[in-house]
């Protein structure tokens, strides 16, 4: 799935959240799940892909990521709940 995407990874339901942007969501989610790269997601065990949004162009994905990151935690939780009310790991849906 090589297409620009904004995504949210979580450590657990209502746990620590990480918002990111990528051009290859499957690869990037796999990296987070397997703690391939050191950083926030590996430190806080954000391994569940709980929300994502696909974009046609990277520029719009980056703008959306900035908008989400600037928002409150409550706004991020609403995004997740609207798409994924059970907080299931959406990674399996991608592969």
PDB file of N, CA and C in Angstrom:
ATOM      1  N   UNK A   1       0.835  -1.175   0.000  1.00  0.00           N
ATOM      2  CA  UNK A   1       0.000   0.000   0.000  1.00  0.00           C
ATOM      3  C   UNK A   1       0.883   1.243   0.000  1.00  0.00           C
ATOM      4  N   UNK A   2       1.537   1.481  -1.090  1.00  0.00           N
ATOM      5  CA  UNK A   2       2.381   2.667  -1.197  1.00  0.00           C
ATOM      6  C   UNK A   2       1.513   3.837  -1.614  1.00  0.00           C
ATOM      7  N   UNK A   3       1.039   4.512  -0.610  1.00  0.00           N
ATOM      8  CA  UNK A   3       0.180   5.676  -0.804  1.00  0.00           C
ATOM      9  C   UNK A   3       0.321   6.518   0.452  1.00  0.00           C
ATOM     10  N   UNK A   4       0.411   7.838   0.326  1.00  0.00           N
ATOM     11  CA  UNK A   4       0.551   8.665   1.523  1.00  0.00           C
ATOM     12  C   UNK A   4      -0.571   8.392   2.521  1.00  0.00           C
ATOM     13  N   UNK A   5      -0.200   8.320   3.788  1.00  0.00           N
ATOM     14  CA  UNK A   5      -1.171   8.045   4.839  1.00  0.00           C
ATOM     15  C   UNK A   5      -0.758   8.721   6.136  1.00  0.00           C
ATOM     16  N   UNK A   6      -1.753   9.122   6.894  1.00  0.00           N
ATOM     17  CA  UNK A   6      -1.578   9.590   8.258  1.00  0.00           C
ATOM     18  C   UNK A   6      -2.108   8.457   9.132  1.00  0.00           C
ATOM     19  N   UNK A   7      -1.465   8.209  10.258  1.00  0.00           N
ATOM     20  CA  UNK A   7      -1.870   7.071  11.075  1.00  0.00           C
ATOM     21  C   UNK A   7      -1.663   7.357  12.551  1.00  0.00           C
ATOM     22  N   UNK A   8      -2.368   6.578  13.369  1.00  0.00           N
ATOM     23  CA  UNK A   8      -2.191   6.647  14.815  1.00  0.00           C
ATOM     24  C   UNK A   8      -1.896   5.238  15.318  1.00  0.00           C
ATOM     25  N   UNK A   9      -0.801   5.121  16.053  1.00  0.00           N
ATOM     26  CA  UNK A   9      -0.428   3.887  16.736  1.00  0.00           C
ATOM     27  C   UNK A   9      -0.735   4.081  18.216  1.00  0.00           C
ATOM     28  N   UNK A  10      -1.105   2.989  18.900  1.00  0.00           N
ATOM     29  CA  UNK A  10      -1.421   3.067  20.320  1.00  0.00           C
ATOM     30  C   UNK A  10      -0.759   1.923  21.068  1.00  0.00           C
ATOM     31  N   UNK A  11      -0.535   2.149  22.363  1.00  0.00           N
ATOM     32  CA  UNK A  11       0.022   1.091  23.207  1.00  0.00           C
ATOM     33  C   UNK A  11      -1.087   0.149  23.677  1.00  0.00           C
ATOM     34  N   UNK A  12      -2.290   0.665  23.817  1.00  0.00           N
ATOM     35  CA  UNK A  12      -3.468  -0.092  24.270  1.00  0.00           C
ATOM     36  C   UNK A  12      -4.676   0.824  24.113  1.00  0.00           C
ATOM     37  N   UNK A  13      -5.851   0.296  24.370  1.00  0.00           N
ATOM     38  CA  UNK A  13      -7.058   1.130  24.333  1.00  0.00           C
ATOM     39  C   UNK A  13      -6.881   2.287  25.313  1.00  0.00           C
ATOM     40  N   UNK A  14      -7.065   3.505  24.805  1.00  0.00           N
ATOM     41  CA  UNK A  14      -6.894   4.735  25.593  1.00  0.00           C
ATOM     42  C   UNK A  14      -5.492   4.876  26.174  1.00  0.00           C
ATOM     43  N   UNK A  15      -4.509   4.192  25.569  1.00  0.00           N
ATOM     44  CA  UNK A  15      -3.122   4.269  26.033  1.00  0.00           C
ATOM     45  C   UNK A  15      -2.365   5.397  25.361  1.00  0.00           C
ATOM     46  N   UNK A  16      -1.059   5.248  25.325  1.00  0.00           N
ATOM     47  CA  UNK A  16      -0.196   6.222  24.681  1.00  0.00           C
ATOM     48  C   UNK A  16      -0.460   6.209  23.184  1.00  0.00           C
ATOM     49  N   UNK A  17      -0.522   7.399  22.580  1.00  0.00           N
ATOM     50  CA  UNK A  17      -0.798   7.535  21.149  1.00  0.00           C
ATOM     51  C   UNK A  17       0.397   8.152  20.427  1.00  0.00           C
ATOM     52  N   UNK A  18       0.601   7.703  19.206  1.00  0.00           N
ATOM     53  CA  UNK A  18       1.624   8.282  18.334  1.00  0.00           C
ATOM     54  C   UNK A  18       0.979   8.560  16.988  1.00  0.00           C
ATOM     55  N   UNK A  19       1.130   9.770  16.481  1.00  0.00           N
ATOM     56  CA  UNK A  19       0.606  10.148  15.182  1.00  0.00           C
ATOM     57  C   UNK A  19       1.768  10.318  14.216  1.00  0.00           C
ATOM     58  N   UNK A  20       1.657   9.728  13.030  1.00  0.00           N
ATOM     59  CA  UNK A  20       2.721   9.821  12.045  1.00  0.00           C
ATOM     60  C   UNK A  20       2.184   9.918  10.630  1.00  0.00           C
ATOM     61  N   UNK A  21       3.107  10.089   9.700  1.00  0.00           N
ATOM     62  CA  UNK A  21       2.783  10.156   8.275  1.00  0.00           C
ATOM     63  C   UNK A  21       3.803   9.301   7.536  1.00  0.00           C
ATOM     64  N   UNK A  22       3.380   8.661   6.462  1.00  0.00           N
ATOM     65  CA  UNK A  22       4.265   7.772   5.712  1.00  0.00           C
ATOM     66  C   UNK A  22       3.791   7.638   4.278  1.00  0.00           C
ATOM     67  N   UNK A  23       4.675   7.171   3.418  1.00  0.00           N
ATOM     68  CA  UNK A  23       4.287   6.869   2.036  1.00  0.00           C
ATOM     69  C   UNK A  23       4.007   5.381   1.866  1.00  0.00           C
ATOM     70  N   UNK A  24       4.308   4.586   2.898  1.00  0.00           N
ATOM     71  CA  UNK A  24       4.101   3.129   2.838  1.00  0.00           C
ATOM     72  C   UNK A  24       3.609   2.654   4.202  1.00  0.00           C
ATOM     73  N   UNK A  25       2.307   2.644   4.379  1.00  0.00           N
ATOM     74  CA  UNK A  25       1.719   2.352   5.678  1.00  0.00           C
ATOM     75  C   UNK A  25       2.009   0.936   6.165  1.00  0.00           C
ATOM     76  N   UNK A  26       1.974  -0.031   5.283  1.00  0.00           N
ATOM     77  CA  UNK A  26       2.233  -1.417   5.696  1.00  0.00           C
ATOM     78  C   UNK A  26       3.641  -1.539   6.262  1.00  0.00           C
ATOM     79  N   UNK A  27       4.621  -1.025   5.544  1.00  0.00           N
ATOM     80  CA  UNK A  27       6.011  -1.094   6.000  1.00  0.00           C
ATOM     81  C   UNK A  27       6.206  -0.338   7.312  1.00  0.00           C
ATOM     82  N   UNK A  28       5.653   0.861   7.394  1.00  0.00           N
ATOM     83  CA  UNK A  28       5.860   1.684   8.585  1.00  0.00           C
ATOM     84  C   UNK A  28       5.177   1.068   9.811  1.00  0.00           C
ATOM     85  N   UNK A  29       3.972   0.566   9.641  1.00  0.00           N
ATOM     86  CA  UNK A  29       3.277  -0.084  10.759  1.00  0.00           C
ATOM     87  C   UNK A  29       4.061  -1.312  11.213  1.00  0.00           C
ATOM     88  N   UNK A  30       4.610  -2.064  10.264  1.00  0.00           N
ATOM     89  CA  UNK A  30       5.424  -3.237  10.611  1.00  0.00           C
ATOM     90  C   UNK A  30       6.635  -2.813  11.442  1.00  0.00           C
ATOM     91  N   UNK A  31       7.277  -1.710  11.040  1.00  0.00           N
ATOM     92  CA  UNK A  31       8.438  -1.218  11.789  1.00  0.00           C
ATOM     93  C   UNK A  31       8.055  -0.863  13.228  1.00  0.00           C
ATOM     94  N   UNK A  32       6.927  -0.201  13.397  1.00  0.00           N
ATOM     95  CA  UNK A  32       6.471   0.143  14.753  1.00  0.00           C
ATOM     96  C   UNK A  32       6.163  -1.128  15.549  1.00  0.00           C
ATOM     97  N   UNK A  33       5.448  -2.050  14.938  1.00  0.00           N
ATOM     98  CA  UNK A  33       5.040  -3.283  15.626  1.00  0.00           C
ATOM     99  C   UNK A  33       6.234  -4.102  16.106  1.00  0.00           C
ATOM    100  N   UNK A  34       7.309  -4.054  15.344  1.00  0.00           N
ATOM    101  CA  UNK A  34       8.492  -4.858  15.642  1.00  0.00           C
ATOM    102  C   UNK A  34       9.626  -4.057  16.279  1.00  0.00           C
ATOM    103  N   UNK A  35       9.355  -2.827  16.665  1.00  0.00           N
ATOM    104  CA  UNK A  35      10.342  -1.947  17.314  1.00  0.00           C
ATOM    105  C   UNK A  35      11.670  -1.940  16.565  1.00  0.00           C
ATOM    106  N   UNK A  36      11.587  -1.842  15.246  1.00  0.00           N
ATOM    107  CA  UNK A  36      12.780  -1.856  14.395  1.00  0.00           C
ATOM    108  C   UNK A  36      13.635  -0.614  14.621  1.00  0.00           C
ATOM    109  N   UNK A  37      12.989   0.524  14.784  1.00  0.00           N
ATOM    110  CA  UNK A  37      13.716   1.779  14.963  1.00  0.00           C
ATOM    111  C   UNK A  37      13.545   2.276  16.393  1.00  0.00           C
ATOM    112  N   UNK A  38      14.639   2.730  17.008  1.00  0.00           N
ATOM    113  CA  UNK A  38      14.509   3.265  18.363  1.00  0.00           C
ATOM    114  C   UNK A  38      13.731   4.581  18.323  1.00  0.00           C
ATOM    115  N   UNK A  39      13.044   4.882  19.385  1.00  0.00           N
ATOM    116  CA  UNK A  39      12.298   6.141  19.441  1.00  0.00           C
ATOM    117  C   UNK A  39      11.045   6.009  20.279  1.00  0.00           C
ATOM    118  N   UNK A  40      10.157   6.956  20.085  1.00  0.00           N
ATOM    119  CA  UNK A  40       8.950   7.071  20.902  1.00  0.00           C
ATOM    120  C   UNK A  40       8.115   5.801  20.892  1.00  0.00           C
ATOM    121  N   UNK A  41       7.812   5.274  19.701  1.00  0.00           N
ATOM    122  CA  UNK A  41       6.899   4.124  19.641  1.00  0.00           C
ATOM    123  C   UNK A  41       7.492   2.870  20.271  1.00  0.00           C
ATOM    124  N   UNK A  42       8.782   2.673  20.126  1.00  0.00           N
ATOM    125  CA  UNK A  42       9.382   1.496  20.774  1.00  0.00           C
ATOM    126  C   UNK A  42       9.490   1.710  22.283  1.00  0.00           C
ATOM    127  N   UNK A  43       9.801   2.921  22.707  1.00  0.00           N
ATOM    128  CA  UNK A  43       9.919   3.221  24.137  1.00  0.00           C
ATOM    129  C   UNK A  43       8.577   3.069  24.853  1.00  0.00           C
ATOM    130  N   UNK A  44       7.497   3.514  24.210  1.00  0.00           N
ATOM    131  CA  UNK A  44       6.178   3.468  24.843  1.00  0.00           C
ATOM    132  C   UNK A  44       5.303   2.317  24.335  1.00  0.00           C
ATOM    133  N   UNK A  45       5.910   1.420  23.578  1.00  0.00           N
ATOM    134  CA  UNK A  45       5.248   0.199  23.082  1.00  0.00           C
ATOM    135  C   UNK A  45       3.961   0.472  22.308  1.00  0.00           C
ATOM    136  N   UNK A  46       4.025   1.467  21.427  1.00  0.00           N
ATOM    137  CA  UNK A  46       2.885   1.786  20.555  1.00  0.00           C
ATOM    138  C   UNK A  46       2.950   0.850  19.349  1.00  0.00           C
ATOM    139  N   UNK A  47       2.303  -0.280  19.444  1.00  0.00           N
ATOM    140  CA  UNK A  47       2.401  -1.318  18.425  1.00  0.00           C
ATOM    141  C   UNK A  47       1.092  -1.583  17.697  1.00  0.00           C
ATOM    142  N   UNK A  48       0.001  -0.968  18.129  1.00  0.00           N
ATOM    143  CA  UNK A  48      -1.307  -1.207  17.515  1.00  0.00           C
ATOM    144  C   UNK A  48      -1.656  -0.079  16.541  1.00  0.00           C
ATOM    145  N   UNK A  49      -1.918  -0.423  15.310  1.00  0.00           N
ATOM    146  CA  UNK A  49      -2.400   0.550  14.339  1.00  0.00           C
ATOM    147  C   UNK A  49      -3.902   0.691  14.583  1.00  0.00           C
ATOM    148  N   UNK A  50      -4.319   1.829  15.128  1.00  0.00           N
ATOM    149  CA  UNK A  50      -5.717   1.987  15.517  1.00  0.00           C
ATOM    150  C   UNK A  50      -6.504   2.943  14.632  1.00  0.00           C
ATOM    151  N   UNK A  51      -5.813   3.712  13.795  1.00  0.00           N
ATOM    152  CA  UNK A  51      -6.487   4.655  12.908  1.00  0.00           C
ATOM    153  C   UNK A  51      -5.558   4.999  11.756  1.00  0.00           C
ATOM    154  N   UNK A  52      -6.123   5.194  10.583  1.00  0.00           N
ATOM    155  CA  UNK A  52      -5.341   5.713   9.462  1.00  0.00           C
ATOM    156  C   UNK A  52      -6.258   6.399   8.472  1.00  0.00           C
ATOM    157  N   UNK A  53      -5.645   7.240   7.655  1.00  0.00           N
ATOM    158  CA  UNK A  53      -6.363   7.988   6.633  1.00  0.00           C
ATOM    159  C   UNK A  53      -5.456   8.074   5.415  1.00  0.00           C
ATOM    160  N   UNK A  54      -5.920   7.601   4.286  1.00  0.00           N
ATOM    161  CA  UNK A  54      -5.133   7.616   3.052  1.00  0.00           C
ATOM    162  C   UNK A  54      -5.325   8.937   2.318  1.00  0.00           C
ATOM    163  N   UNK A  55      -4.272   9.362   1.628  1.00  0.00           N
ATOM    164  CA  UNK A  55      -4.294  10.614   0.868  1.00  0.00           C
ATOM    165  C   UNK A  55      -3.754  10.374  -0.532  1.00  0.00           C
ATOM    166  N   UNK A  56      -4.133  11.230  -1.433  1.00  0.00           N
ATOM    167  CA  UNK A  56      -3.639  11.141  -2.812  1.00  0.00           C
ATOM    168  C   UNK A  56      -2.226  11.713  -2.929  1.00  0.00           C
ATOM    169  N   UNK A  57      -1.939  12.753  -2.155  1.00  0.00           N
ATOM    170  CA  UNK A  57      -0.636  13.420  -2.239  1.00  0.00           C
ATOM    171  C   UNK A  57      -0.011  13.543  -0.851  1.00  0.00           C
ATOM    172  N   UNK A  58       1.300  13.454  -0.791  1.00  0.00           N
ATOM    173  CA  UNK A  58       2.025  13.541   0.471  1.00  0.00           C
ATOM    174  C   UNK A  58       1.813  14.900   1.134  1.00  0.00           C
ATOM    175  N   UNK A  59       1.709  15.942   0.339  1.00  0.00           N
ATOM    176  CA  UNK A  59       1.530  17.286   0.886  1.00  0.00           C
ATOM    177  C   UNK A  59       0.258  17.363   1.738  1.00  0.00           C
ATOM    178  N   UNK A  60      -0.824  16.780   1.275  1.00  0.00           N
ATOM    179  CA  UNK A  60      -2.068  16.819   2.055  1.00  0.00           C
ATOM    180  C   UNK A  60      -1.970  15.914   3.286  1.00  0.00           C
ATOM    181  N   UNK A  61      -1.242  14.808   3.175  1.00  0.00           N
ATOM    182  CA  UNK A  61      -1.050  13.917   4.328  1.00  0.00           C
ATOM    183  C   UNK A  61      -0.242  14.628   5.415  1.00  0.00           C
ATOM    184  N   UNK A  62       0.790  15.340   5.026  1.00  0.00           N
ATOM    185  CA  UNK A  62       1.612  16.078   5.995  1.00  0.00           C
ATOM    186  C   UNK A  62       0.798  17.164   6.668  1.00  0.00           C
ATOM    187  N   UNK A  63      -0.006  17.877   5.887  1.00  0.00           N
ATOM    188  CA  UNK A  63      -0.855  18.927   6.464  1.00  0.00           C
ATOM    189  C   UNK A  63      -1.845  18.334   7.459  1.00  0.00           C
ATOM    190  N   UNK A  64      -2.409  17.192   7.138  1.00  0.00           N
ATOM    191  CA  UNK A  64      -3.367  16.533   8.035  1.00  0.00           C
ATOM    192  C   UNK A  64      -2.677  16.052   9.305  1.00  0.00           C
ATOM    193  N   UNK A  65      -1.466  15.498   9.169  1.00  0.00           N
ATOM    194  CA  UNK A  65      -0.709  15.060  10.347  1.00  0.00           C
ATOM    195  C   UNK A  65      -0.478  16.242  11.287  1.00  0.00           C
ATOM    196  N   UNK A  66      -0.078  17.374  10.743  1.00  0.00           N
ATOM    197  CA  UNK A  66       0.166  18.558  11.571  1.00  0.00           C
ATOM    198  C   UNK A  66      -1.109  19.008  12.269  1.00  0.00           C
ATOM    199  N   UNK A  67      -2.233  18.932  11.541  1.00  0.00           N
ATOM    200  CA  UNK A  67      -3.518  19.312  12.127  1.00  0.00           C
ATOM    201  C   UNK A  67      -3.868  18.391  13.296  1.00  0.00           C
ATOM    202  N   UNK A  68      -3.685  17.096  13.114  1.00  0.00           N
ATOM    203  CA  UNK A  68      -4.003  16.133  14.170  1.00  0.00           C
ATOM    204  C   UNK A  68      -3.075  16.313  15.366  1.00  0.00           C
ATOM    205  N   UNK A  69      -1.778  16.466  15.110  1.00  0.00           N
ATOM    206  CA  UNK A  69      -0.820  16.643  16.204  1.00  0.00           C
ATOM    207  C   UNK A  69      -1.090  17.915  16.996  1.00  0.00           C
ATOM    208  N   UNK A  70      -1.594  18.946  16.325  1.00  0.00           N
ATOM    209  CA  UNK A  70      -1.897  20.207  17.006  1.00  0.00           C
ATOM    210  C   UNK A  70      -3.170  20.111  17.839  1.00  0.00           C
ATOM    211  N   UNK A  71      -3.976  19.106  17.566  1.00  0.00           N
ATOM    212  CA  UNK A  71      -5.236  18.938  18.285  1.00  0.00           C
ATOM    213  C   UNK A  71      -5.030  18.291  19.647  1.00  0.00           C
ATOM    214  N   UNK A  72      -6.102  18.217  20.365  1.00  0.00           N
ATOM    215  CA  UNK A  72      -6.062  17.653  21.710  1.00  0.00           C
ATOM    216  C   UNK A  72      -6.056  16.124  21.676  1.00  0.00           C
ATOM    217  N   UNK A  73      -5.711  15.555  22.789  1.00  0.00           N
ATOM    218  CA  UNK A  73      -5.783  14.094  22.927  1.00  0.00           C
ATOM    219  C   UNK A  73      -7.228  13.634  22.728  1.00  0.00           C
ATOM    220  N   UNK A  74      -8.157  14.385  23.262  1.00  0.00           N
ATOM    221  CA  UNK A  74      -9.575  14.055  23.133  1.00  0.00           C
ATOM    222  C   UNK A  74      -9.981  13.979  21.652  1.00  0.00           C
ATOM    223  N   UNK A  75      -9.476  14.891  20.839  1.00  0.00           N
ATOM    224  CA  UNK A  75      -9.784  14.877  19.401  1.00  0.00           C
ATOM    225  C   UNK A  75      -9.210  13.625  18.742  1.00  0.00           C
ATOM    226  N   UNK A  76      -8.013  13.222  19.157  1.00  0.00           N
ATOM    227  CA  UNK A  76      -7.407  11.997  18.613  1.00  0.00           C
ATOM    228  C   UNK A  76      -8.218  10.773  19.019  1.00  0.00           C
ATOM    229  N   UNK A  77      -8.659  10.744  20.258  1.00  0.00           N
ATOM    230  CA  UNK A  77      -9.480   9.625  20.718  1.00  0.00           C
ATOM    231  C   UNK A  77     -10.790   9.550  19.939  1.00  0.00           C
ATOM    232  N   UNK A  78     -11.380  10.695  19.616  1.00  0.00           N
ATOM    233  CA  UNK A  78     -12.612  10.709  18.813  1.00  0.00           C
ATOM    234  C   UNK A  78     -12.368  10.155  17.418  1.00  0.00           C
ATOM    235  N   UNK A  79     -11.226  10.489  16.823  1.00  0.00           N
ATOM    236  CA  UNK A  79     -10.890   9.943  15.498  1.00  0.00           C
ATOM    237  C   UNK A  79     -10.826   8.419  15.555  1.00  0.00           C
ATOM    238  N   UNK A  80     -10.114   7.906  16.549  1.00  0.00           N
ATOM    239  CA  UNK A  80      -9.967   6.456  16.690  1.00  0.00           C
ATOM    240  C   UNK A  80     -11.330   5.817  16.915  1.00  0.00           C
ATOM    241  N   UNK A  81     -12.096   6.350  17.842  1.00  0.00           N
ATOM    242  CA  UNK A  81     -13.402   5.773  18.179  1.00  0.00           C
ATOM    243  C   UNK A  81     -14.353   5.770  16.986  1.00  0.00           C
ATOM    244  N   UNK A  82     -14.284   6.799  16.138  1.00  0.00           N
ATOM    245  CA  UNK A  82     -15.173   6.876  14.981  1.00  0.00           C
ATOM    246  C   UNK A  82     -14.852   5.797  13.950  1.00  0.00           C
ATOM    247  N   UNK A  83     -13.572   5.517  13.742  1.00  0.00           N
ATOM    248  CA  UNK A  83     -13.160   4.525  12.741  1.00  0.00           C
ATOM    249  C   UNK A  83     -13.076   3.126  13.334  1.00  0.00           C
ATOM    250  N   UNK A  84     -12.690   3.040  14.585  1.00  0.00           N
ATOM    251  CA  UNK A  84     -12.316   1.770  15.183  1.00  0.00           C
ATOM    252  C   UNK A  84     -12.792   1.714  16.645  1.00  0.00           C
ATOM    253  N   UNK A  85     -14.109   1.627  16.871  1.00  0.00           N
ATOM    254  CA  UNK A  85     -14.632   1.695  18.239  1.00  0.00           C
ATOM    255  C   UNK A  85     -14.140   0.598  19.177  1.00  0.00           C
ATOM    256  N   UNK A  86     -13.681  -0.530  18.637  1.00  0.00           N
ATOM    257  CA  UNK A  86     -13.174  -1.604  19.492  1.00  0.00           C
ATOM    258  C   UNK A  86     -11.668  -1.495  19.729  1.00  0.00           C
ATOM    259  N   UNK A  87     -11.029  -0.536  19.111  1.00  0.00           N
ATOM    260  CA  UNK A  87      -9.586  -0.344  19.218  1.00  0.00           C
ATOM    261  C   UNK A  87      -8.817  -1.583  18.757  1.00  0.00           C
ATOM    262  N   UNK A  88      -9.358  -2.278  17.762  1.00  0.00           N
ATOM    263  CA  UNK A  88      -8.661  -3.439  17.222  1.00  0.00           C
ATOM    264  C   UNK A  88      -7.443  -3.010  16.414  1.00  0.00           C
ATOM    265  N   UNK A  89      -6.498  -3.893  16.257  1.00  0.00           N
ATOM    266  CA  UNK A  89      -5.292  -3.620  15.469  1.00  0.00           C
ATOM    267  C   UNK A  89      -5.661  -3.717  13.996  1.00  0.00           C
ATOM    268  N   UNK A  90      -5.575  -2.610  13.270  1.00  0.00           N
ATOM    269  CA  UNK A  90      -5.979  -2.551  11.870  1.00  0.00           C
ATOM    270  C   UNK A  90      -4.890  -3.046  10.921  1.00  0.00           C
ATOM    271  N   UNK A  91      -3.730  -3.393  11.438  1.00  0.00           N
ATOM    272  CA  UNK A  91      -2.622  -3.849  10.597  1.00  0.00           C
ATOM    273  C   UNK A  91      -3.038  -5.054   9.756  1.00  0.00           C
ATOM    274  N   UNK A  92      -3.743  -5.997  10.347  1.00  0.00           N
ATOM    275  CA  UNK A  92      -4.177  -7.176   9.627  1.00  0.00           C
ATOM    276  C   UNK A  92      -5.069  -6.873   8.445  1.00  0.00           C
ATOM    277  N   UNK A  93      -5.808  -5.764   8.508  1.00  0.00           N
ATOM    278  CA  UNK A  93      -6.666  -5.366   7.395  1.00  0.00           C
ATOM    279  C   UNK A  93      -5.850  -4.861   6.209  1.00  0.00           C
ATOM    280  N   UNK A  94      -4.628  -4.410   6.462  1.00  0.00           N
ATOM    281  CA  UNK A  94      -3.799  -3.847   5.405  1.00  0.00           C
ATOM    282  C   UNK A  94      -3.062  -4.905   4.592  1.00  0.00           C
ATOM    283  N   UNK A  95      -2.710  -6.019   5.248  1.00  0.00           N
ATOM    284  CA  UNK A  95      -1.877  -7.008   4.566  1.00  0.00           C
ATOM    285  C   UNK A  95      -2.700  -8.124   3.932  1.00  0.00           C
TER     286      UNK A  95
END
